[in-house]
């Protein structure tokens, strides 16, 4: 009789070097394996999607997050429990996700869009975001939600370049808001991040940013509260119940 595989226990990323994990759902041969690791609330959220492909994407994303976190904590994915920190905007229980019953120095963030899932793990507050590059009209709509200085930067660009640039800025902004724990409950127009080099000086924001290399047609970013060096994500894989 074979023994049950034991989860790997990874070391916590050092300050300034978040670990990034990238999953391509088109490479996942059997995402149903992940369903067994989800908790009741996740299974309920998965079931709420009308389209089977959306249910599958949600299951794969959250099951893979559990597998990744289980590899740091040394526990099976199904044993992980989450809570929400207090929202800085309204004081409600929907701030940053946090682990229950484990050290508070492991921070994580999840983003999934279409075929890609991006996961960030760090020893400090972190946010990640991945988005599809919109068309010219969609980029104009996004630009209208940005800080006034960012809007001016966006409209100054050649229209052909604008969609990629605005989408990249939007991922920086969403990663930052996820790291704060507010999400879009905080007006994206409040803070200036800008279209320039991701880790350039930002006197109004004490977070640091990196653009993450991902597949053509997508853009992604990571934000942490403090300087960082990591940019390239590791490949993630869909795993079965009880594995790390």
C-alpha atoms as a PDB file:
ATOM      1  CA  UNK A   1       0.000   0.000   0.000  1.00  0.00           C
ATOM      2  CA  UNK A   2       1.440   3.388  -0.988  1.00  0.00           C
ATOM      3  CA  UNK A   3       1.766   6.081   1.643  1.00  0.00           C
ATOM      4  CA  UNK A   4      -0.145   9.344   1.283  1.00  0.00           C
ATOM      5  CA  UNK A   5       2.077  12.038  -0.305  1.00  0.00           C
ATOM      6  CA  UNK A   6       3.224  14.558   2.294  1.00  0.00           C
ATOM      7  CA  UNK A   7       3.021  18.286   1.524  1.00  0.00           C
ATOM      8  CA  UNK A   8       6.254  20.131   0.893  1.00  0.00           C
ATOM      9  CA  UNK A   9       7.095  22.945   3.316  1.00  0.00           C
ATOM     10  CA  UNK A  10       8.679  25.883   1.529  1.00  0.00           C
ATOM     11  CA  UNK A  11      10.544  28.672   3.212  1.00  0.00           C
ATOM     12  CA  UNK A  12       8.790  32.037   3.468  1.00  0.00           C
ATOM     13  CA  UNK A  13      10.026  34.438   0.757  1.00  0.00           C
ATOM     14  CA  UNK A  14      12.599  36.914   2.105  1.00  0.00           C
ATOM     15  CA  UNK A  15      11.618  40.592   2.335  1.00  0.00           C
ATOM     16  CA  UNK A  16      11.438  42.215  -1.065  1.00  0.00           C
ATOM     17  CA  UNK A  17      11.348  38.922  -2.997  1.00  0.00           C
ATOM     18  CA  UNK A  18       7.744  37.763  -3.346  1.00  0.00           C
ATOM     19  CA  UNK A  19       7.110  34.400  -4.963  1.00  0.00           C
ATOM     20  CA  UNK A  20       4.834  34.507  -8.005  1.00  0.00           C
ATOM     21  CA  UNK A  21       3.016  31.503  -9.460  1.00  0.00           C
ATOM     22  CA  UNK A  22       1.361  31.396 -12.889  1.00  0.00           C
ATOM     23  CA  UNK A  23      -1.192  28.798 -14.004  1.00  0.00           C
ATOM     24  CA  UNK A  24      -2.504  28.480 -17.563  1.00  0.00           C
ATOM     25  CA  UNK A  25      -5.925  26.907 -17.348  1.00  0.00           C
ATOM     26  CA  UNK A  26      -5.569  25.573 -20.897  1.00  0.00           C
ATOM     27  CA  UNK A  27      -2.705  23.406 -19.570  1.00  0.00           C
ATOM     28  CA  UNK A  28      -4.839  21.968 -16.753  1.00  0.00           C
ATOM     29  CA  UNK A  29      -5.868  18.457 -17.746  1.00  0.00           C
ATOM     30  CA  UNK A  30      -8.309  17.816 -14.867  1.00  0.00           C
ATOM     31  CA  UNK A  31      -9.478  20.799 -12.833  1.00  0.00           C
ATOM     32  CA  UNK A  32     -12.141  18.704 -11.098  1.00  0.00           C
ATOM     33  CA  UNK A  33      -9.428  17.391  -8.762  1.00  0.00           C
ATOM     34  CA  UNK A  34      -9.302  20.789  -7.114  1.00  0.00           C
ATOM     35  CA  UNK A  35     -12.962  20.788  -6.118  1.00  0.00           C
ATOM     36  CA  UNK A  36     -12.303  18.373  -3.256  1.00  0.00           C
ATOM     37  CA  UNK A  37      -9.939  20.840  -1.568  1.00  0.00           C
ATOM     38  CA  UNK A  38     -12.368  23.792  -1.522  1.00  0.00           C
ATOM     39  CA  UNK A  39     -14.328  24.714   1.590  1.00  0.00           C
ATOM     40  CA  UNK A  40     -18.102  25.086   1.699  1.00  0.00           C
ATOM     41  CA  UNK A  41     -18.126  28.811   0.911  1.00  0.00           C
ATOM     42  CA  UNK A  42     -15.835  28.324  -2.100  1.00  0.00           C
ATOM     43  CA  UNK A  43     -17.963  25.492  -3.428  1.00  0.00           C
ATOM     44  CA  UNK A  44     -21.031  27.694  -3.017  1.00  0.00           C
ATOM     45  CA  UNK A  45     -19.376  30.527  -4.933  1.00  0.00           C
ATOM     46  CA  UNK A  46     -18.298  28.121  -7.657  1.00  0.00           C
ATOM     47  CA  UNK A  47     -21.833  26.785  -8.007  1.00  0.00           C
ATOM     48  CA  UNK A  48     -23.193  30.333  -8.368  1.00  0.00           C
ATOM     49  CA  UNK A  49     -21.591  30.735 -11.815  1.00  0.00           C
ATOM     50  CA  UNK A  50     -24.041  29.999 -14.611  1.00  0.00           C
ATOM     51  CA  UNK A  51     -21.460  28.850 -17.171  1.00  0.00           C
ATOM     52  CA  UNK A  52     -19.522  25.584 -16.612  1.00  0.00           C
ATOM     53  CA  UNK A  53     -16.292  27.172 -17.868  1.00  0.00           C
ATOM     54  CA  UNK A  54     -16.559  29.914 -15.230  1.00  0.00           C
ATOM     55  CA  UNK A  55     -17.157  27.330 -12.516  1.00  0.00           C
ATOM     56  CA  UNK A  56     -14.118  25.444 -13.751  1.00  0.00           C
ATOM     57  CA  UNK A  57     -11.912  28.545 -13.758  1.00  0.00           C
ATOM     58  CA  UNK A  58     -12.951  29.489 -10.237  1.00  0.00           C
ATOM     59  CA  UNK A  59     -12.343  25.954  -8.987  1.00  0.00           C
ATOM     60  CA  UNK A  60      -8.934  25.730 -10.641  1.00  0.00           C
ATOM     61  CA  UNK A  61      -7.832  29.157  -9.383  1.00  0.00           C
ATOM     62  CA  UNK A  62      -8.851  28.643  -5.769  1.00  0.00           C
ATOM     63  CA  UNK A  63      -7.789  25.012  -5.654  1.00  0.00           C
ATOM     64  CA  UNK A  64      -4.362  25.968  -6.976  1.00  0.00           C
ATOM     65  CA  UNK A  65      -4.104  28.780  -4.423  1.00  0.00           C
ATOM     66  CA  UNK A  66      -4.740  26.191  -1.707  1.00  0.00           C
ATOM     67  CA  UNK A  67      -2.085  23.896  -3.159  1.00  0.00           C
ATOM     68  CA  UNK A  68       0.467  26.735  -3.294  1.00  0.00           C
ATOM     69  CA  UNK A  69      -0.257  27.902   0.262  1.00  0.00           C
ATOM     70  CA  UNK A  70      -0.219  24.309   1.506  1.00  0.00           C
ATOM     71  CA  UNK A  71       3.308  23.945   0.152  1.00  0.00           C
ATOM     72  CA  UNK A  72       4.482  26.846   2.369  1.00  0.00           C
ATOM     73  CA  UNK A  73       2.549  25.760   5.441  1.00  0.00           C
ATOM     74  CA  UNK A  74       3.274  22.052   5.171  1.00  0.00           C
ATOM     75  CA  UNK A  75      -0.394  21.058   5.336  1.00  0.00           C
ATOM     76  CA  UNK A  76      -2.846  19.485   2.854  1.00  0.00           C
ATOM     77  CA  UNK A  77      -4.730  22.126   0.822  1.00  0.00           C
ATOM     78  CA  UNK A  78      -8.120  21.098   2.219  1.00  0.00           C
ATOM     79  CA  UNK A  79      -6.993  21.992   5.779  1.00  0.00           C
ATOM     80  CA  UNK A  80      -6.421  25.671   4.967  1.00  0.00           C
ATOM     81  CA  UNK A  81      -8.957  28.113   6.387  1.00  0.00           C
ATOM     82  CA  UNK A  82      -9.365  31.757   5.443  1.00  0.00           C
ATOM     83  CA  UNK A  83     -10.741  34.908   6.991  1.00  0.00           C
ATOM     84  CA  UNK A  84     -10.964  38.525   5.870  1.00  0.00           C
ATOM     85  CA  UNK A  85      -9.208  41.380   7.598  1.00  0.00           C
ATOM     86  CA  UNK A  86     -11.075  44.586   8.412  1.00  0.00           C
ATOM     87  CA  UNK A  87     -11.598  46.797   5.359  1.00  0.00           C
ATOM     88  CA  UNK A  88      -9.663  50.080   5.779  1.00  0.00           C
ATOM     89  CA  UNK A  89     -12.442  51.941   3.955  1.00  0.00           C
ATOM     90  CA  UNK A  90     -15.558  50.945   5.840  1.00  0.00           C
ATOM     91  CA  UNK A  91     -14.474  48.696   8.723  1.00  0.00           C
ATOM     92  CA  UNK A  92     -16.391  45.735   7.284  1.00  0.00           C
ATOM     93  CA  UNK A  93     -15.043  42.144   7.204  1.00  0.00           C
ATOM     94  CA  UNK A  94     -13.940  42.178   3.568  1.00  0.00           C
ATOM     95  CA  UNK A  95     -10.342  43.380   3.628  1.00  0.00           C
ATOM     96  CA  UNK A  96      -7.237  41.400   2.665  1.00  0.00           C
ATOM     97  CA  UNK A  97      -7.578  37.596   2.824  1.00  0.00           C
ATOM     98  CA  UNK A  98      -5.775  36.069   5.805  1.00  0.00           C
ATOM     99  CA  UNK A  99      -5.034  32.564   7.034  1.00  0.00           C
ATOM    100  CA  UNK A 100      -6.717  31.186  10.148  1.00  0.00           C
ATOM    101  CA  UNK A 101      -4.595  29.202  12.583  1.00  0.00           C
ATOM    102  CA  UNK A 102      -1.274  29.894  10.852  1.00  0.00           C
ATOM    103  CA  UNK A 103       1.455  32.527  11.317  1.00  0.00           C
ATOM    104  CA  UNK A 104       0.350  36.002  10.290  1.00  0.00           C
ATOM    105  CA  UNK A 105       3.625  36.711   8.445  1.00  0.00           C
ATOM    106  CA  UNK A 106       2.521  34.852   5.286  1.00  0.00           C
ATOM    107  CA  UNK A 107       0.642  37.155   2.926  1.00  0.00           C
ATOM    108  CA  UNK A 108      -0.906  36.171  -0.387  1.00  0.00           C
ATOM    109  CA  UNK A 109      -2.976  37.458  -3.295  1.00  0.00           C
ATOM    110  CA  UNK A 110      -4.845  35.803  -6.175  1.00  0.00           C
ATOM    111  CA  UNK A 111      -5.972  37.092  -9.566  1.00  0.00           C
ATOM    112  CA  UNK A 112      -7.460  35.199 -12.486  1.00  0.00           C
ATOM    113  CA  UNK A 113      -8.615  36.408 -15.876  1.00  0.00           C
ATOM    114  CA  UNK A 114      -9.690  34.166 -18.743  1.00  0.00           C
ATOM    115  CA  UNK A 115      -6.935  31.544 -19.181  1.00  0.00           C
ATOM    116  CA  UNK A 116      -4.419  32.856 -16.611  1.00  0.00           C
ATOM    117  CA  UNK A 117      -4.206  32.558 -12.819  1.00  0.00           C
ATOM    118  CA  UNK A 118      -1.574  34.612 -10.955  1.00  0.00           C
ATOM    119  CA  UNK A 119      -0.749  33.983  -7.286  1.00  0.00           C
ATOM    120  CA  UNK A 120       1.615  36.028  -5.132  1.00  0.00           C
ATOM    121  CA  UNK A 121       3.094  34.955  -1.768  1.00  0.00           C
ATOM    122  CA  UNK A 122       5.207  37.264   0.395  1.00  0.00           C
ATOM    123  CA  UNK A 123       6.337  38.095   3.896  1.00  0.00           C
ATOM    124  CA  UNK A 124       4.710  41.523   3.634  1.00  0.00           C
ATOM    125  CA  UNK A 125       1.326  42.744   2.339  1.00  0.00           C
ATOM    126  CA  UNK A 126       1.026  41.968  -1.368  1.00  0.00           C
ATOM    127  CA  UNK A 127      -1.426  42.372  -4.235  1.00  0.00           C
ATOM    128  CA  UNK A 128      -1.367  40.863  -7.726  1.00  0.00           C
ATOM    129  CA  UNK A 129      -3.531  41.469 -10.768  1.00  0.00           C
ATOM    130  CA  UNK A 130      -3.740  40.034 -14.290  1.00  0.00           C
ATOM    131  CA  UNK A 131      -5.951  41.460 -17.039  1.00  0.00           C
ATOM    132  CA  UNK A 132      -6.650  41.086 -20.730  1.00  0.00           C
ATOM    133  CA  UNK A 133      -5.493  44.011 -22.874  1.00  0.00           C
ATOM    134  CA  UNK A 134      -8.702  45.822 -23.928  1.00  0.00           C
ATOM    135  CA  UNK A 135      -9.509  47.349 -27.287  1.00  0.00           C
ATOM    136  CA  UNK A 136      -9.133  51.097 -27.842  1.00  0.00           C
ATOM    137  CA  UNK A 137     -12.668  51.816 -26.631  1.00  0.00           C
ATOM    138  CA  UNK A 138     -12.247  49.725 -23.504  1.00  0.00           C
ATOM    139  CA  UNK A 139      -8.940  51.393 -22.667  1.00  0.00           C
ATOM    140  CA  UNK A 140     -10.651  54.780 -22.909  1.00  0.00           C
ATOM    141  CA  UNK A 141     -13.290  53.692 -20.412  1.00  0.00           C
ATOM    142  CA  UNK A 142     -10.578  52.461 -18.004  1.00  0.00           C
ATOM    143  CA  UNK A 143      -8.642  55.700 -18.385  1.00  0.00           C
ATOM    144  CA  UNK A 144     -11.651  57.706 -17.208  1.00  0.00           C
ATOM    145  CA  UNK A 145     -11.464  55.908 -13.844  1.00  0.00           C
ATOM    146  CA  UNK A 146      -7.833  56.855 -13.185  1.00  0.00           C
ATOM    147  CA  UNK A 147      -6.174  59.665 -11.238  1.00  0.00           C
ATOM    148  CA  UNK A 148      -6.385  62.988 -13.171  1.00  0.00           C
ATOM    149  CA  UNK A 149      -2.617  62.999 -13.791  1.00  0.00           C
ATOM    150  CA  UNK A 150      -2.818  59.417 -15.058  1.00  0.00           C
ATOM    151  CA  UNK A 151      -5.670  60.361 -17.370  1.00  0.00           C
ATOM    152  CA  UNK A 152      -3.541  63.102 -18.879  1.00  0.00           C
ATOM    153  CA  UNK A 153      -0.681  60.614 -19.403  1.00  0.00           C
ATOM    154  CA  UNK A 154      -3.052  58.129 -21.061  1.00  0.00           C
ATOM    155  CA  UNK A 155      -4.656  60.631 -23.439  1.00  0.00           C
ATOM    156  CA  UNK A 156      -1.203  61.896 -24.464  1.00  0.00           C
ATOM    157  CA  UNK A 157      -0.321  58.455 -25.857  1.00  0.00           C
ATOM    158  CA  UNK A 158      -0.754  57.369 -29.445  1.00  0.00           C
ATOM    159  CA  UNK A 159      -4.141  55.561 -29.592  1.00  0.00           C
ATOM    160  CA  UNK A 160      -2.413  52.389 -30.825  1.00  0.00           C
ATOM    161  CA  UNK A 161      -0.203  52.276 -27.719  1.00  0.00           C
ATOM    162  CA  UNK A 162      -2.891  53.337 -25.272  1.00  0.00           C
ATOM    163  CA  UNK A 163      -4.644  49.975 -24.636  1.00  0.00           C
ATOM    164  CA  UNK A 164      -1.465  48.165 -23.518  1.00  0.00           C
ATOM    165  CA  UNK A 165      -0.265  51.096 -21.399  1.00  0.00           C
ATOM    166  CA  UNK A 166      -3.609  51.726 -19.702  1.00  0.00           C
ATOM    167  CA  UNK A 167      -4.117  48.023 -19.020  1.00  0.00           C
ATOM    168  CA  UNK A 168      -0.665  47.797 -17.439  1.00  0.00           C
ATOM    169  CA  UNK A 169      -1.367  50.815 -15.260  1.00  0.00           C
ATOM    170  CA  UNK A 170      -4.740  49.362 -14.290  1.00  0.00           C
ATOM    171  CA  UNK A 171      -3.108  46.114 -13.111  1.00  0.00           C
ATOM    172  CA  UNK A 172      -0.662  48.122 -10.979  1.00  0.00           C
ATOM    173  CA  UNK A 173      -3.603  50.026  -9.521  1.00  0.00           C
ATOM    174  CA  UNK A 174      -5.672  46.905  -8.775  1.00  0.00           C
ATOM    175  CA  UNK A 175      -2.663  45.101  -7.284  1.00  0.00           C
ATOM    176  CA  UNK A 176      -2.097  48.106  -5.019  1.00  0.00           C
ATOM    177  CA  UNK A 177      -5.753  48.263  -3.936  1.00  0.00           C
ATOM    178  CA  UNK A 178      -5.768  44.524  -3.225  1.00  0.00           C
ATOM    179  CA  UNK A 179      -2.614  44.937  -1.151  1.00  0.00           C
ATOM    180  CA  UNK A 180      -4.249  47.746   0.819  1.00  0.00           C
ATOM    181  CA  UNK A 181      -7.221  45.473   1.444  1.00  0.00           C
ATOM    182  CA  UNK A 182      -9.755  47.898  -0.022  1.00  0.00           C
ATOM    183  CA  UNK A 183     -10.141  46.592  -3.544  1.00  0.00           C
ATOM    184  CA  UNK A 184     -12.236  48.914  -5.669  1.00  0.00           C
ATOM    185  CA  UNK A 185     -13.976  50.141  -2.538  1.00  0.00           C
ATOM    186  CA  UNK A 186     -11.280  52.819  -2.686  1.00  0.00           C
ATOM    187  CA  UNK A 187     -11.692  55.108  -5.673  1.00  0.00           C
ATOM    188  CA  UNK A 188      -8.948  54.269  -8.240  1.00  0.00           C
ATOM    189  CA  UNK A 189      -8.698  58.007  -8.962  1.00  0.00           C
ATOM    190  CA  UNK A 190      -7.459  58.780  -5.421  1.00  0.00           C
ATOM    191  CA  UNK A 191      -3.872  57.575  -5.787  1.00  0.00           C
ATOM    192  CA  UNK A 192      -1.288  58.377  -8.439  1.00  0.00           C
ATOM    193  CA  UNK A 193       0.792  55.417  -9.644  1.00  0.00           C
ATOM    194  CA  UNK A 194       1.503  56.447 -13.211  1.00  0.00           C
ATOM    195  CA  UNK A 195       2.542  54.989 -16.553  1.00  0.00           C
ATOM    196  CA  UNK A 196       6.291  55.331 -15.965  1.00  0.00           C
ATOM    197  CA  UNK A 197       8.836  52.768 -14.796  1.00  0.00           C
ATOM    198  CA  UNK A 198       7.044  50.514 -12.295  1.00  0.00           C
ATOM    199  CA  UNK A 199       9.463  51.111  -9.424  1.00  0.00           C
ATOM    200  CA  UNK A 200      10.129  54.799  -9.975  1.00  0.00           C
ATOM    201  CA  UNK A 201       9.657  57.376  -7.204  1.00  0.00           C
ATOM    202  CA  UNK A 202       6.057  57.853  -6.046  1.00  0.00           C
ATOM    203  CA  UNK A 203       5.957  60.373  -3.210  1.00  0.00           C
ATOM    204  CA  UNK A 204       2.201  59.891  -2.742  1.00  0.00           C
ATOM    205  CA  UNK A 205       2.247  56.074  -2.551  1.00  0.00           C
ATOM    206  CA  UNK A 206       4.558  54.102  -0.224  1.00  0.00           C
ATOM    207  CA  UNK A 207       4.201  50.854  -2.188  1.00  0.00           C
ATOM    208  CA  UNK A 208       6.478  49.348  -4.831  1.00  0.00           C
ATOM    209  CA  UNK A 209       5.452  47.812  -8.143  1.00  0.00           C
ATOM    210  CA  UNK A 210       6.719  45.332 -10.722  1.00  0.00           C
ATOM    211  CA  UNK A 211       5.248  44.468 -14.094  1.00  0.00           C
ATOM    212  CA  UNK A 212       5.004  40.687 -14.427  1.00  0.00           C
ATOM    213  CA  UNK A 213       5.870  38.999 -17.758  1.00  0.00           C
ATOM    214  CA  UNK A 214       2.861  36.946 -18.889  1.00  0.00           C
ATOM    215  CA  UNK A 215       1.327  35.670 -22.137  1.00  0.00           C
ATOM    216  CA  UNK A 216       0.663  37.847 -25.168  1.00  0.00           C
ATOM    217  CA  UNK A 217      -2.665  39.645 -24.890  1.00  0.00           C
ATOM    218  CA  UNK A 218      -2.436  39.895 -21.088  1.00  0.00           C
ATOM    219  CA  UNK A 219      -0.718  42.241 -18.639  1.00  0.00           C
ATOM    220  CA  UNK A 220       0.019  41.635 -14.961  1.00  0.00           C
ATOM    221  CA  UNK A 221       1.549  43.443 -11.992  1.00  0.00           C
ATOM    222  CA  UNK A 222       2.539  42.850  -8.383  1.00  0.00           C
ATOM    223  CA  UNK A 223       2.581  45.429  -5.581  1.00  0.00           C
ATOM    224  CA  UNK A 224       4.169  45.104  -2.137  1.00  0.00           C
ATOM    225  CA  UNK A 225       4.555  47.414   0.809  1.00  0.00           C
ATOM    226  CA  UNK A 226       8.297  47.834   0.458  1.00  0.00           C
ATOM    227  CA  UNK A 227      10.972  47.414  -2.262  1.00  0.00           C
ATOM    228  CA  UNK A 228      11.109  44.165  -4.238  1.00  0.00           C
ATOM    229  CA  UNK A 229      13.182  42.367  -6.828  1.00  0.00           C
ATOM    230  CA  UNK A 230      11.183  39.371  -8.125  1.00  0.00           C
ATOM    231  CA  UNK A 231       9.426  39.677 -11.491  1.00  0.00           C
ATOM    232  CA  UNK A 232       9.265  36.246 -13.189  1.00  0.00           C
ATOM    233  CA  UNK A 233       6.516  33.868 -12.026  1.00  0.00           C
ATOM    234  CA  UNK A 234       7.018  30.135 -11.530  1.00  0.00           C
ATOM    235  CA  UNK A 235       4.675  27.719 -13.288  1.00  0.00           C
ATOM    236  CA  UNK A 236       1.881  26.437 -11.068  1.00  0.00           C
ATOM    237  CA  UNK A 237       0.087  23.171 -11.629  1.00  0.00           C
ATOM    238  CA  UNK A 238      -3.334  21.812 -10.768  1.00  0.00           C
ATOM    239  CA  UNK A 239      -2.997  19.247  -8.000  1.00  0.00           C
ATOM    240  CA  UNK A 240      -5.230  16.635  -6.516  1.00  0.00           C
ATOM    241  CA  UNK A 241      -6.571  16.514  -2.944  1.00  0.00           C
ATOM    242  CA  UNK A 242      -4.003  15.846  -0.257  1.00  0.00           C
ATOM    243  CA  UNK A 243      -0.977  16.998  -2.245  1.00  0.00           C
ATOM    244  CA  UNK A 244       1.214  20.026  -1.886  1.00  0.00           C
END
